[in-house]
Amino acid sequence: MKKRILLLAAALCLLCSGCGGGLLEREWSSVTPHSAGYWENGDKDTLRADSYQDAVNAILMLVANHAERGVVRCYFGSDAEYAELAAEACNEVQQETDLGAYLLDYITYAGTDERGFYELSLSFGYRRTAEEQESIINATSTEAIPDLLRAAAAEGADRLVVRVSYFSTDRAGVEQMVRDVQEEKDGGRDAGILAAPWQLSFYPDTDEPGIVEILLK
């Protein structure tokens, strides 16, 4: 089932590739696991941050890798600011990013003043397993959701989780898409009573979410 949906998502991404001009501009940078600008001295457990935004991106990289713990060395700010900046960065990742809001249960951290930098040691508690994280489907637009949902329903999936780059409609529009697919699956609007409505959640729970989760059962 997972393979079939992934193939469908890939095909939809190709069809939508010409619409890149409308892609949502997010403030979180895209980083790769081997980015020399982030890994500190090649140590994959320790990341470097030269600005507040670097610190947010470094923490988000650890979350994206489903790390249980990690270290971020901060080369910015002052001794008086470090504790406040660390709290802000952790809260931003958990509350304002799609992956953080979907995956994380909590972040704990402790800071140590070192010569020339502030070392932030982090631990992560997840409410999703690594396998659940791997099952997230990436889509360029919310327009992909109906077809992905039909494929998931046809395979008897319990849930569908889609990470969307561009919302071509608002949350109410996505909710209508989900209702339409369920009514279609249950025999149309004239079929009378529908099964229990599919449950829909957005992450983060704001007007600009990035992940849509649909529970089919």
N, C-alpha and C. Protein backbone atom coordinates (compact mmCIF):
# COMPACT_ATOMS: atom_id res chain seq x y z
N MET A 1 0.83 -1.19 0.00
CA MET A 1 0.00 0.00 0.00
C MET A 1 0.87 1.25 0.00
N LYS A 2 1.87 1.26 0.90
CA LYS A 2 2.75 2.41 1.00
C LYS A 2 3.45 2.68 -0.32
N LYS A 3 3.91 1.60 -0.98
CA LYS A 3 4.61 1.76 -2.25
C LYS A 3 3.69 2.35 -3.29
N ARG A 4 2.44 1.87 -3.32
CA ARG A 4 1.49 2.36 -4.32
C ARG A 4 1.21 3.84 -4.13
N ILE A 5 1.01 4.26 -2.86
CA ILE A 5 0.72 5.67 -2.61
C ILE A 5 1.93 6.53 -2.92
N LEU A 6 3.13 6.06 -2.59
CA LEU A 6 4.33 6.82 -2.90
C LEU A 6 4.49 7.03 -4.40
N LEU A 7 4.19 5.97 -5.18
CA LEU A 7 4.28 6.11 -6.63
C LEU A 7 3.27 7.12 -7.14
N LEU A 8 2.07 7.09 -6.58
CA LEU A 8 1.05 8.04 -6.98
C LEU A 8 1.48 9.45 -6.63
N ALA A 9 2.07 9.62 -5.44
CA ALA A 9 2.52 10.95 -5.03
C ALA A 9 3.60 11.46 -5.97
N ALA A 10 4.52 10.58 -6.38
CA ALA A 10 5.58 10.98 -7.30
C ALA A 10 5.01 11.43 -8.63
N ALA A 11 4.02 10.69 -9.13
CA ALA A 11 3.40 11.07 -10.40
C ALA A 11 2.70 12.42 -10.29
N LEU A 12 2.03 12.65 -9.18
CA LEU A 12 1.34 13.93 -9.00
C LEU A 12 2.34 15.07 -8.90
N CYS A 13 3.47 14.83 -8.25
CA CYS A 13 4.49 15.87 -8.16
C CYS A 13 4.99 16.27 -9.54
N LEU A 14 5.17 15.28 -10.44
CA LEU A 14 5.62 15.57 -11.78
C LEU A 14 4.59 16.38 -12.54
N LEU A 15 3.31 16.05 -12.36
CA LEU A 15 2.26 16.78 -13.04
C LEU A 15 2.19 18.22 -12.57
N CYS A 16 2.52 18.45 -11.28
CA CYS A 16 2.41 19.79 -10.72
C CYS A 16 3.71 20.58 -10.79
N SER A 17 4.73 20.03 -11.42
CA SER A 17 6.04 20.66 -11.38
C SER A 17 6.06 22.00 -12.08
N GLY A 18 5.11 22.25 -12.94
CA GLY A 18 5.08 23.53 -13.63
C GLY A 18 4.47 24.63 -12.82
N CYS A 19 4.02 24.35 -11.60
CA CYS A 19 3.33 25.36 -10.79
C CYS A 19 4.23 25.86 -9.68
N GLY A 20 5.53 25.79 -9.85
CA GLY A 20 6.45 26.13 -8.78
C GLY A 20 6.38 27.57 -8.35
N GLY A 21 5.87 28.48 -9.20
CA GLY A 21 5.84 29.88 -8.85
C GLY A 21 4.99 30.18 -7.65
N GLY A 22 4.04 29.27 -7.32
CA GLY A 22 3.16 29.55 -6.19
C GLY A 22 3.57 28.84 -4.92
N LEU A 23 4.74 28.24 -4.91
CA LEU A 23 5.14 27.47 -3.73
C LEU A 23 5.24 28.37 -2.51
N LEU A 24 4.79 27.84 -1.40
CA LEU A 24 4.83 28.59 -0.16
C LEU A 24 6.27 28.80 0.27
N GLU A 25 6.61 30.03 0.61
CA GLU A 25 7.95 30.34 1.08
C GLU A 25 7.99 30.19 2.59
N ARG A 26 8.68 29.18 3.07
CA ARG A 26 8.77 28.96 4.51
C ARG A 26 10.07 29.57 5.01
N GLU A 27 10.07 29.95 6.29
CA GLU A 27 11.24 30.60 6.82
C GLU A 27 12.31 29.61 7.27
N TRP A 28 11.99 28.32 7.31
CA TRP A 28 12.97 27.33 7.75
C TRP A 28 13.78 26.86 6.56
N SER A 29 15.08 26.92 6.67
CA SER A 29 15.96 26.57 5.56
C SER A 29 15.94 25.08 5.30
N SER A 30 16.25 24.71 4.06
CA SER A 30 16.39 23.31 3.71
C SER A 30 17.85 22.92 3.90
N VAL A 31 18.10 21.90 4.71
CA VAL A 31 19.46 21.47 4.99
C VAL A 31 19.58 19.99 4.71
N THR A 32 20.78 19.55 4.38
CA THR A 32 21.02 18.15 4.08
C THR A 32 21.84 17.53 5.21
N PRO A 33 21.75 16.20 5.38
CA PRO A 33 22.43 15.56 6.49
C PRO A 33 23.93 15.78 6.52
N HIS A 34 24.55 16.09 5.37
CA HIS A 34 26.00 16.25 5.34
C HIS A 34 26.40 17.69 5.07
N SER A 35 25.52 18.65 5.41
CA SER A 35 25.82 20.05 5.17
C SER A 35 26.99 20.49 6.04
N ALA A 36 28.07 20.95 5.39
CA ALA A 36 29.25 21.37 6.14
C ALA A 36 28.96 22.58 7.00
N GLY A 37 27.89 23.34 6.65
CA GLY A 37 27.54 24.51 7.42
C GLY A 37 26.86 24.18 8.73
N TYR A 38 26.52 22.92 8.94
CA TYR A 38 25.79 22.56 10.15
C TYR A 38 26.55 21.55 11.00
N TRP A 39 27.04 20.48 10.41
CA TRP A 39 27.77 19.50 11.22
C TRP A 39 29.06 20.11 11.73
N GLU A 40 29.31 20.03 13.01
CA GLU A 40 30.49 20.63 13.62
C GLU A 40 31.66 19.67 13.52
N ASN A 41 32.68 20.05 12.74
CA ASN A 41 33.89 19.24 12.60
C ASN A 41 33.60 17.82 12.16
N GLY A 42 32.55 17.63 11.35
CA GLY A 42 32.22 16.31 10.85
C GLY A 42 31.56 15.40 11.85
N ASP A 43 31.31 15.88 13.06
CA ASP A 43 30.67 15.06 14.10
C ASP A 43 29.17 15.09 13.89
N LYS A 44 28.59 13.95 13.56
CA LYS A 44 27.17 13.90 13.21
C LYS A 44 26.25 13.97 14.42
N ASP A 45 26.81 14.03 15.61
CA ASP A 45 25.99 14.23 16.81
C ASP A 45 26.00 15.69 17.25
N THR A 46 26.85 16.50 16.62
CA THR A 46 27.03 17.89 17.04
C THR A 46 26.86 18.81 15.84
N LEU A 47 26.01 19.81 15.99
CA LEU A 47 25.74 20.75 14.91
C LEU A 47 26.14 22.15 15.31
N ARG A 48 26.46 22.97 14.32
CA ARG A 48 26.93 24.33 14.54
C ARG A 48 25.82 25.31 14.17
N ALA A 49 25.67 26.37 14.98
CA ALA A 49 24.70 27.42 14.69
C ALA A 49 25.38 28.78 14.85
N ASP A 50 25.40 29.55 13.76
CA ASP A 50 26.00 30.88 13.79
C ASP A 50 24.96 31.99 13.93
N SER A 51 23.69 31.61 14.01
CA SER A 51 22.61 32.58 14.20
C SER A 51 21.44 31.86 14.86
N TYR A 52 20.46 32.63 15.29
CA TYR A 52 19.27 32.02 15.88
C TYR A 52 18.59 31.10 14.88
N GLN A 53 18.47 31.55 13.61
CA GLN A 53 17.80 30.73 12.61
C GLN A 53 18.58 29.44 12.35
N ASP A 54 19.92 29.52 12.41
CA ASP A 54 20.73 28.30 12.30
C ASP A 54 20.38 27.32 13.42
N ALA A 55 20.18 27.84 14.63
CA ALA A 55 19.85 26.98 15.77
C ALA A 55 18.51 26.28 15.55
N VAL A 56 17.51 27.04 15.06
CA VAL A 56 16.21 26.44 14.76
C VAL A 56 16.36 25.35 13.70
N ASN A 57 17.11 25.65 12.64
CA ASN A 57 17.30 24.68 11.57
C ASN A 57 18.06 23.45 12.05
N ALA A 58 19.04 23.65 12.93
CA ALA A 58 19.81 22.52 13.45
C ALA A 58 18.93 21.60 14.29
N ILE A 59 18.10 22.18 15.15
CA ILE A 59 17.19 21.36 15.96
C ILE A 59 16.20 20.63 15.06
N LEU A 60 15.71 21.34 14.04
CA LEU A 60 14.76 20.72 13.11
C LEU A 60 15.42 19.59 12.33
N MET A 61 16.70 19.72 12.01
CA MET A 61 17.41 18.64 11.33
C MET A 61 17.47 17.39 12.20
N LEU A 62 17.73 17.57 13.48
CA LEU A 62 17.75 16.43 14.39
C LEU A 62 16.39 15.75 14.45
N VAL A 63 15.33 16.56 14.49
CA VAL A 63 13.98 16.00 14.51
C VAL A 63 13.70 15.25 13.22
N ALA A 64 14.09 15.83 12.08
CA ALA A 64 13.86 15.18 10.78
C ALA A 64 14.58 13.84 10.70
N ASN A 65 15.70 13.72 11.41
CA ASN A 65 16.44 12.45 11.45
C ASN A 65 15.95 11.53 12.57
N HIS A 66 14.89 11.93 13.26
CA HIS A 66 14.31 11.17 14.37
C HIS A 66 15.37 10.85 15.43
N ALA A 67 16.26 11.82 15.67
CA ALA A 67 17.31 11.64 16.67
C ALA A 67 16.71 11.66 18.07
N GLU A 68 17.25 10.83 18.94
CA GLU A 68 16.81 10.84 20.34
C GLU A 68 17.51 11.94 21.12
N ARG A 69 18.70 12.30 20.68
CA ARG A 69 19.45 13.37 21.34
C ARG A 69 20.42 14.00 20.35
N GLY A 70 20.91 15.16 20.70
CA GLY A 70 21.87 15.84 19.85
C GLY A 70 22.44 17.05 20.56
N VAL A 71 23.46 17.64 19.95
CA VAL A 71 24.14 18.80 20.53
C VAL A 71 24.20 19.90 19.47
N VAL A 72 23.88 21.12 19.88
CA VAL A 72 24.01 22.28 19.00
C VAL A 72 24.95 23.27 19.68
N ARG A 73 26.02 23.63 18.98
CA ARG A 73 26.96 24.63 19.49
C ARG A 73 26.60 25.98 18.90
N CYS A 74 26.27 26.92 19.77
CA CYS A 74 25.78 28.24 19.34
C CYS A 74 26.92 29.26 19.40
N TYR A 75 27.23 29.86 18.24
CA TYR A 75 28.28 30.86 18.15
C TYR A 75 27.67 32.24 17.90
N PHE A 76 26.62 32.56 18.60
CA PHE A 76 25.96 33.86 18.44
C PHE A 76 25.35 34.25 19.78
N GLY A 77 24.96 35.51 19.90
CA GLY A 77 24.32 35.96 21.13
C GLY A 77 25.33 36.19 22.25
N SER A 78 24.80 36.51 23.40
CA SER A 78 25.62 36.76 24.58
C SER A 78 25.26 35.77 25.67
N ASP A 79 26.10 35.71 26.69
CA ASP A 79 25.84 34.78 27.79
C ASP A 79 24.47 35.01 28.41
N ALA A 80 24.06 36.27 28.49
CA ALA A 80 22.78 36.60 29.11
C ALA A 80 21.60 36.17 28.25
N GLU A 81 21.82 36.00 26.95
CA GLU A 81 20.73 35.70 26.02
C GLU A 81 20.56 34.21 25.76
N TYR A 82 21.58 33.41 26.00
CA TYR A 82 21.57 32.02 25.54
C TYR A 82 20.36 31.22 26.04
N ALA A 83 20.06 31.31 27.32
CA ALA A 83 18.96 30.51 27.87
C ALA A 83 17.64 30.88 27.21
N GLU A 84 17.40 32.17 27.04
CA GLU A 84 16.14 32.61 26.41
C GLU A 84 16.08 32.19 24.95
N LEU A 85 17.19 32.34 24.23
CA LEU A 85 17.22 31.96 22.81
C LEU A 85 17.03 30.45 22.64
N ALA A 86 17.61 29.66 23.54
CA ALA A 86 17.46 28.20 23.46
C ALA A 86 16.00 27.82 23.64
N ALA A 87 15.33 28.43 24.62
CA ALA A 87 13.91 28.14 24.85
C ALA A 87 13.08 28.53 23.64
N GLU A 88 13.36 29.70 23.07
CA GLU A 88 12.60 30.16 21.91
C GLU A 88 12.79 29.22 20.72
N ALA A 89 14.03 28.78 20.48
CA ALA A 89 14.30 27.90 19.34
C ALA A 89 13.58 26.56 19.50
N CYS A 90 13.63 25.99 20.69
CA CYS A 90 12.96 24.70 20.93
C CYS A 90 11.45 24.84 20.78
N ASN A 91 10.88 25.91 21.33
CA ASN A 91 9.44 26.13 21.20
C ASN A 91 9.03 26.35 19.76
N GLU A 92 9.86 27.07 19.01
CA GLU A 92 9.53 27.31 17.60
C GLU A 92 9.49 26.00 16.82
N VAL A 93 10.47 25.15 17.04
CA VAL A 93 10.50 23.87 16.33
C VAL A 93 9.28 23.03 16.68
N GLN A 94 8.93 22.93 17.96
CA GLN A 94 7.83 22.06 18.36
C GLN A 94 6.46 22.63 18.03
N GLN A 95 6.30 23.93 18.10
CA GLN A 95 4.98 24.53 17.96
C GLN A 95 4.70 25.13 16.59
N GLU A 96 5.74 25.54 15.86
CA GLU A 96 5.51 26.30 14.64
C GLU A 96 5.95 25.60 13.36
N THR A 97 6.70 24.51 13.46
CA THR A 97 7.08 23.77 12.25
C THR A 97 6.18 22.55 12.10
N ASP A 98 5.95 22.15 10.86
CA ASP A 98 5.04 21.03 10.63
C ASP A 98 5.58 19.73 11.21
N LEU A 99 6.86 19.42 10.95
CA LEU A 99 7.42 18.18 11.47
C LEU A 99 7.45 18.17 13.00
N GLY A 100 7.86 19.29 13.59
CA GLY A 100 7.90 19.36 15.04
C GLY A 100 6.54 19.16 15.67
N ALA A 101 5.54 19.84 15.11
CA ALA A 101 4.18 19.74 15.66
C ALA A 101 3.62 18.33 15.50
N TYR A 102 3.95 17.66 14.40
CA TYR A 102 3.41 16.32 14.15
C TYR A 102 4.16 15.25 14.92
N LEU A 103 5.48 15.36 14.98
CA LEU A 103 6.28 14.26 15.52
C LEU A 103 6.55 14.34 17.01
N LEU A 104 6.70 15.54 17.55
CA LEU A 104 7.26 15.68 18.89
C LEU A 104 6.22 15.67 20.00
N ASP A 105 6.61 15.03 21.09
CA ASP A 105 5.86 15.11 22.33
C ASP A 105 6.50 16.16 23.24
N TYR A 106 7.84 16.20 23.24
CA TYR A 106 8.54 17.20 24.04
C TYR A 106 9.99 17.31 23.58
N ILE A 107 10.63 18.41 24.00
CA ILE A 107 12.07 18.60 23.87
C ILE A 107 12.59 19.00 25.25
N THR A 108 13.65 18.35 25.70
CA THR A 108 14.34 18.80 26.91
C THR A 108 15.74 19.25 26.50
N TYR A 109 16.29 20.19 27.24
CA TYR A 109 17.60 20.71 26.87
C TYR A 109 18.32 21.25 28.09
N ALA A 110 19.65 21.28 27.99
CA ALA A 110 20.50 21.86 29.02
C ALA A 110 21.63 22.59 28.31
N GLY A 111 22.00 23.75 28.84
CA GLY A 111 23.04 24.55 28.21
C GLY A 111 24.29 24.64 29.05
N THR A 112 25.43 24.71 28.37
CA THR A 112 26.72 24.84 29.04
C THR A 112 27.52 25.93 28.36
N ASP A 113 28.03 26.87 29.15
CA ASP A 113 28.90 27.92 28.60
C ASP A 113 30.29 27.34 28.37
N GLU A 114 30.74 27.39 27.13
CA GLU A 114 32.09 26.96 26.78
C GLU A 114 32.86 28.17 26.25
N ARG A 115 34.14 28.03 26.09
CA ARG A 115 34.94 29.14 25.58
C ARG A 115 34.61 29.36 24.10
N GLY A 116 33.98 30.47 23.82
CA GLY A 116 33.70 30.84 22.44
C GLY A 116 32.36 30.36 21.91
N PHE A 117 31.62 29.55 22.66
CA PHE A 117 30.31 29.10 22.19
C PHE A 117 29.47 28.62 23.37
N TYR A 118 28.20 28.41 23.10
CA TYR A 118 27.26 27.89 24.09
C TYR A 118 26.79 26.53 23.59
N GLU A 119 27.00 25.48 24.38
CA GLU A 119 26.66 24.13 23.95
C GLU A 119 25.29 23.74 24.49
N LEU A 120 24.41 23.43 23.57
CA LEU A 120 23.03 23.07 23.90
C LEU A 120 22.85 21.57 23.70
N SER A 121 22.61 20.84 24.78
CA SER A 121 22.39 19.39 24.71
C SER A 121 20.89 19.12 24.75
N LEU A 122 20.40 18.43 23.74
CA LEU A 122 18.96 18.24 23.58
C LEU A 122 18.57 16.77 23.62
N SER A 123 17.38 16.50 24.14
CA SER A 123 16.77 15.17 24.06
C SER A 123 15.35 15.34 23.53
N PHE A 124 14.91 14.37 22.73
CA PHE A 124 13.61 14.48 22.07
C PHE A 124 12.71 13.31 22.45
N GLY A 125 11.47 13.63 22.75
CA GLY A 125 10.45 12.61 22.96
C GLY A 125 9.45 12.67 21.83
N TYR A 126 9.21 11.53 21.19
CA TYR A 126 8.36 11.50 20.00
C TYR A 126 7.03 10.83 20.30
N ARG A 127 5.99 11.34 19.69
CA ARG A 127 4.69 10.68 19.77
C ARG A 127 4.40 9.88 18.51
N ARG A 128 5.32 9.91 17.57
CA ARG A 128 5.23 9.09 16.36
C ARG A 128 6.49 8.24 16.26
N THR A 129 6.34 7.04 15.74
CA THR A 129 7.49 6.18 15.54
C THR A 129 8.25 6.59 14.28
N ALA A 130 9.47 6.07 14.16
CA ALA A 130 10.24 6.33 12.95
C ALA A 130 9.52 5.80 11.72
N GLU A 131 8.84 4.67 11.87
CA GLU A 131 8.09 4.09 10.74
C GLU A 131 6.94 5.00 10.34
N GLU A 132 6.26 5.59 11.32
CA GLU A 132 5.18 6.53 11.01
C GLU A 132 5.72 7.77 10.32
N GLN A 133 6.91 8.21 10.73
CA GLN A 133 7.52 9.36 10.07
C GLN A 133 7.85 9.03 8.62
N GLU A 134 8.37 7.84 8.38
CA GLU A 134 8.72 7.44 7.02
C GLU A 134 7.51 7.32 6.12
N SER A 135 6.34 7.11 6.70
CA SER A 135 5.12 6.94 5.90
C SER A 135 4.52 8.27 5.45
N ILE A 136 5.07 9.39 5.92
CA ILE A 136 4.57 10.70 5.48
C ILE A 136 4.83 10.84 3.98
N ILE A 137 3.80 11.25 3.25
CA ILE A 137 3.91 11.44 1.81
C ILE A 137 4.07 12.92 1.51
N ASN A 138 5.06 13.27 0.70
CA ASN A 138 5.27 14.65 0.31
C ASN A 138 4.49 14.96 -0.96
N ALA A 139 3.81 16.10 -0.98
CA ALA A 139 3.04 16.52 -2.15
C ALA A 139 3.27 18.00 -2.39
N THR A 140 3.26 18.40 -3.65
CA THR A 140 3.49 19.81 -3.97
C THR A 140 2.29 20.67 -3.66
N SER A 141 1.08 20.09 -3.64
CA SER A 141 -0.13 20.88 -3.47
C SER A 141 -1.22 20.06 -2.79
N THR A 142 -2.16 20.74 -2.17
CA THR A 142 -3.31 20.07 -1.57
C THR A 142 -4.17 19.38 -2.63
N GLU A 143 -4.01 19.76 -3.90
CA GLU A 143 -4.78 19.12 -4.97
C GLU A 143 -4.46 17.64 -5.08
N ALA A 144 -3.34 17.20 -4.52
CA ALA A 144 -2.98 15.78 -4.56
C ALA A 144 -3.76 14.95 -3.55
N ILE A 145 -4.32 15.60 -2.53
CA ILE A 145 -4.93 14.86 -1.42
C ILE A 145 -6.07 13.94 -1.85
N PRO A 146 -7.03 14.37 -2.69
CA PRO A 146 -8.12 13.45 -3.04
C PRO A 146 -7.65 12.14 -3.66
N ASP A 147 -6.73 12.21 -4.63
CA ASP A 147 -6.25 10.97 -5.26
C ASP A 147 -5.47 10.11 -4.28
N LEU A 148 -4.66 10.74 -3.44
CA LEU A 148 -3.93 9.97 -2.43
C LEU A 148 -4.90 9.31 -1.45
N LEU A 149 -5.95 10.01 -1.11
CA LEU A 149 -6.95 9.49 -0.18
C LEU A 149 -7.72 8.33 -0.79
N ARG A 150 -8.06 8.44 -2.07
CA ARG A 150 -8.75 7.33 -2.75
C ARG A 150 -7.87 6.08 -2.75
N ALA A 151 -6.58 6.27 -3.04
CA ALA A 151 -5.66 5.12 -3.05
C ALA A 151 -5.54 4.51 -1.67
N ALA A 152 -5.44 5.35 -0.63
CA ALA A 152 -5.33 4.84 0.73
C ALA A 152 -6.58 4.07 1.13
N ALA A 153 -7.76 4.62 0.80
CA ALA A 153 -9.02 3.95 1.14
C ALA A 153 -9.15 2.63 0.41
N ALA A 154 -8.74 2.60 -0.86
CA ALA A 154 -8.83 1.37 -1.65
C ALA A 154 -7.96 0.27 -1.08
N GLU A 155 -6.85 0.65 -0.46
CA GLU A 155 -5.93 -0.33 0.12
C GLU A 155 -6.29 -0.67 1.56
N GLY A 156 -7.33 -0.04 2.11
CA GLY A 156 -7.72 -0.33 3.48
C GLY A 156 -6.82 0.27 4.53
N ALA A 157 -6.17 1.40 4.20
CA ALA A 157 -5.25 2.03 5.14
C ALA A 157 -6.01 2.64 6.32
N ASP A 158 -5.34 2.69 7.47
CA ASP A 158 -5.93 3.30 8.66
C ASP A 158 -5.81 4.82 8.62
N ARG A 159 -4.74 5.31 7.99
CA ARG A 159 -4.51 6.74 7.98
C ARG A 159 -3.72 7.16 6.75
N LEU A 160 -3.79 8.44 6.46
CA LEU A 160 -2.99 9.05 5.40
C LEU A 160 -2.41 10.34 5.97
N VAL A 161 -1.10 10.50 5.83
CA VAL A 161 -0.43 11.71 6.30
C VAL A 161 0.31 12.32 5.12
N VAL A 162 -0.01 13.57 4.82
CA VAL A 162 0.55 14.25 3.66
C VAL A 162 1.22 15.54 4.10
N ARG A 163 2.47 15.72 3.69
CA ARG A 163 3.18 16.98 3.94
C ARG A 163 3.10 17.80 2.66
N VAL A 164 2.46 18.96 2.75
CA VAL A 164 2.10 19.74 1.57
C VAL A 164 2.97 21.00 1.49
N SER A 165 3.52 21.25 0.30
CA SER A 165 4.34 22.44 0.10
C SER A 165 3.49 23.69 -0.13
N TYR A 166 2.36 23.52 -0.83
CA TYR A 166 1.54 24.68 -1.20
C TYR A 166 0.07 24.37 -0.96
N PHE A 167 -0.59 25.21 -0.19
CA PHE A 167 -2.02 25.07 0.05
C PHE A 167 -2.78 25.88 -0.99
N SER A 168 -3.40 25.19 -1.95
CA SER A 168 -4.18 25.85 -2.98
C SER A 168 -5.57 26.22 -2.48
N THR A 169 -5.90 25.79 -1.28
CA THR A 169 -7.17 26.12 -0.64
C THR A 169 -6.92 26.29 0.85
N ASP A 170 -7.94 26.71 1.58
CA ASP A 170 -7.77 26.86 3.01
C ASP A 170 -8.15 25.56 3.72
N ARG A 171 -8.12 25.56 5.05
CA ARG A 171 -8.42 24.35 5.80
C ARG A 171 -9.83 23.84 5.52
N ALA A 172 -10.79 24.76 5.39
CA ALA A 172 -12.16 24.34 5.08
C ALA A 172 -12.23 23.65 3.73
N GLY A 173 -11.42 24.11 2.78
CA GLY A 173 -11.39 23.47 1.47
C GLY A 173 -10.84 22.05 1.54
N VAL A 174 -9.82 21.84 2.36
CA VAL A 174 -9.27 20.49 2.54
C VAL A 174 -10.30 19.60 3.21
N GLU A 175 -10.99 20.12 4.21
CA GLU A 175 -12.04 19.35 4.89
C GLU A 175 -13.12 18.93 3.90
N GLN A 176 -13.47 19.81 2.97
CA GLN A 176 -14.47 19.48 1.96
C GLN A 176 -13.96 18.40 1.02
N MET A 177 -12.67 18.47 0.65
CA MET A 177 -12.08 17.42 -0.18
C MET A 177 -12.24 16.05 0.48
N VAL A 178 -11.94 16.00 1.77
CA VAL A 178 -12.01 14.74 2.50
C VAL A 178 -13.44 14.24 2.56
N ARG A 179 -14.40 15.12 2.84
CA ARG A 179 -15.81 14.71 2.88
C ARG A 179 -16.27 14.18 1.53
N ASP A 180 -15.85 14.87 0.45
CA ASP A 180 -16.26 14.45 -0.89
C ASP A 180 -15.75 13.05 -1.22
N VAL A 181 -14.48 12.77 -0.87
CA VAL A 181 -13.91 11.45 -1.15
C VAL A 181 -14.62 10.39 -0.31
N GLN A 182 -14.93 10.68 0.94
CA GLN A 182 -15.62 9.69 1.77
C GLN A 182 -17.02 9.42 1.24
N GLU A 183 -17.73 10.47 0.84
CA GLU A 183 -19.07 10.28 0.29
C GLU A 183 -19.01 9.47 -1.01
N GLU A 184 -18.00 9.74 -1.81
CA GLU A 184 -17.80 8.99 -3.05
C GLU A 184 -17.55 7.52 -2.74
N LYS A 185 -16.71 7.26 -1.74
CA LYS A 185 -16.39 5.89 -1.35
C LYS A 185 -17.62 5.17 -0.80
N ASP A 186 -18.47 5.91 -0.07
CA ASP A 186 -19.64 5.30 0.57
C ASP A 186 -20.87 5.29 -0.32
N GLY A 187 -20.71 5.61 -1.59
CA GLY A 187 -21.81 5.48 -2.53
C GLY A 187 -22.48 6.76 -2.96
N GLY A 188 -21.88 7.90 -2.65
CA GLY A 188 -22.45 9.15 -3.11
C GLY A 188 -23.39 9.78 -2.11
N ARG A 189 -23.82 10.99 -2.41
CA ARG A 189 -24.66 11.77 -1.50
C ARG A 189 -26.04 11.15 -1.30
N ASP A 190 -26.50 10.34 -2.26
CA ASP A 190 -27.83 9.75 -2.16
C ASP A 190 -27.84 8.45 -1.36
N ALA A 191 -26.67 8.08 -0.86
CA ALA A 191 -26.57 6.80 -0.16
C ALA A 191 -27.16 6.86 1.24
N GLY A 192 -27.49 8.07 1.71
CA GLY A 192 -28.08 8.19 3.04
C GLY A 192 -27.03 8.35 4.11
N ILE A 193 -27.06 7.49 5.10
CA ILE A 193 -26.17 7.65 6.25
C ILE A 193 -24.76 7.21 5.89
N LEU A 194 -23.79 8.08 6.18
CA LEU A 194 -22.40 7.74 5.94
C LEU A 194 -21.82 7.01 7.15
N ALA A 195 -20.69 6.37 6.92
CA ALA A 195 -19.95 5.80 8.04
C ALA A 195 -19.43 6.94 8.90
N ALA A 196 -18.80 6.61 10.03
CA ALA A 196 -18.23 7.64 10.89
C ALA A 196 -17.31 8.54 10.08
N PRO A 197 -17.43 9.85 10.22
CA PRO A 197 -16.60 10.76 9.42
C PRO A 197 -15.12 10.52 9.65
N TRP A 198 -14.34 10.59 8.59
CA TRP A 198 -12.90 10.50 8.72
C TRP A 198 -12.41 11.71 9.52
N GLN A 199 -11.45 11.47 10.39
CA GLN A 199 -10.94 12.52 11.27
C GLN A 199 -9.76 13.23 10.61
N LEU A 200 -9.80 14.54 10.65
CA LEU A 200 -8.80 15.36 9.97
C LEU A 200 -8.07 16.23 10.99
N SER A 201 -6.73 16.26 10.91
CA SER A 201 -5.92 17.10 11.79
C SER A 201 -4.88 17.84 10.97
N PHE A 202 -4.53 19.05 11.43
CA PHE A 202 -3.53 19.87 10.74
C PHE A 202 -2.37 20.14 11.69
N TYR A 203 -1.15 20.13 11.13
CA TYR A 203 0.05 20.39 11.92
C TYR A 203 0.94 21.40 11.19
N PRO A 204 1.32 22.50 11.89
CA PRO A 204 0.78 22.92 13.18
C PRO A 204 -0.68 23.33 13.06
N ASP A 205 -1.36 23.43 14.17
CA ASP A 205 -2.79 23.74 14.18
C ASP A 205 -3.00 25.25 14.02
N THR A 206 -2.66 25.75 12.83
CA THR A 206 -2.74 27.17 12.53
C THR A 206 -3.40 27.34 11.17
N ASP A 207 -3.50 28.59 10.72
CA ASP A 207 -4.06 28.85 9.39
C ASP A 207 -3.08 28.49 8.28
N GLU A 208 -1.82 28.22 8.63
CA GLU A 208 -0.81 27.86 7.64
C GLU A 208 -0.13 26.55 8.05
N PRO A 209 -0.87 25.45 8.04
CA PRO A 209 -0.27 24.15 8.40
C PRO A 209 0.62 23.63 7.28
N GLY A 210 1.38 22.59 7.58
CA GLY A 210 2.22 21.97 6.57
C GLY A 210 1.93 20.49 6.40
N ILE A 211 1.34 19.86 7.42
CA ILE A 211 1.03 18.43 7.38
C ILE A 211 -0.45 18.23 7.63
N VAL A 212 -1.06 17.37 6.81
CA VAL A 212 -2.46 17.00 6.96
C VAL A 212 -2.52 15.51 7.29
N GLU A 213 -3.21 15.17 8.37
CA GLU A 213 -3.39 13.77 8.77
C GLU A 213 -4.87 13.42 8.69
N ILE A 214 -5.19 12.34 7.98
CA ILE A 214 -6.57 11.87 7.87
C ILE A 214 -6.65 10.46 8.43
N LEU A 215 -7.47 10.28 9.46
CA LEU A 215 -7.71 8.96 10.04
C LEU A 215 -8.95 8.36 9.40
N LEU A 216 -8.77 7.23 8.71
CA LEU A 216 -9.87 6.61 7.97
C LEU A 216 -10.64 5.61 8.81
N LYS A 217 -10.09 5.19 9.93
CA LYS A 217 -10.74 4.18 10.77
C LYS A 217 -10.66 4.59 12.23
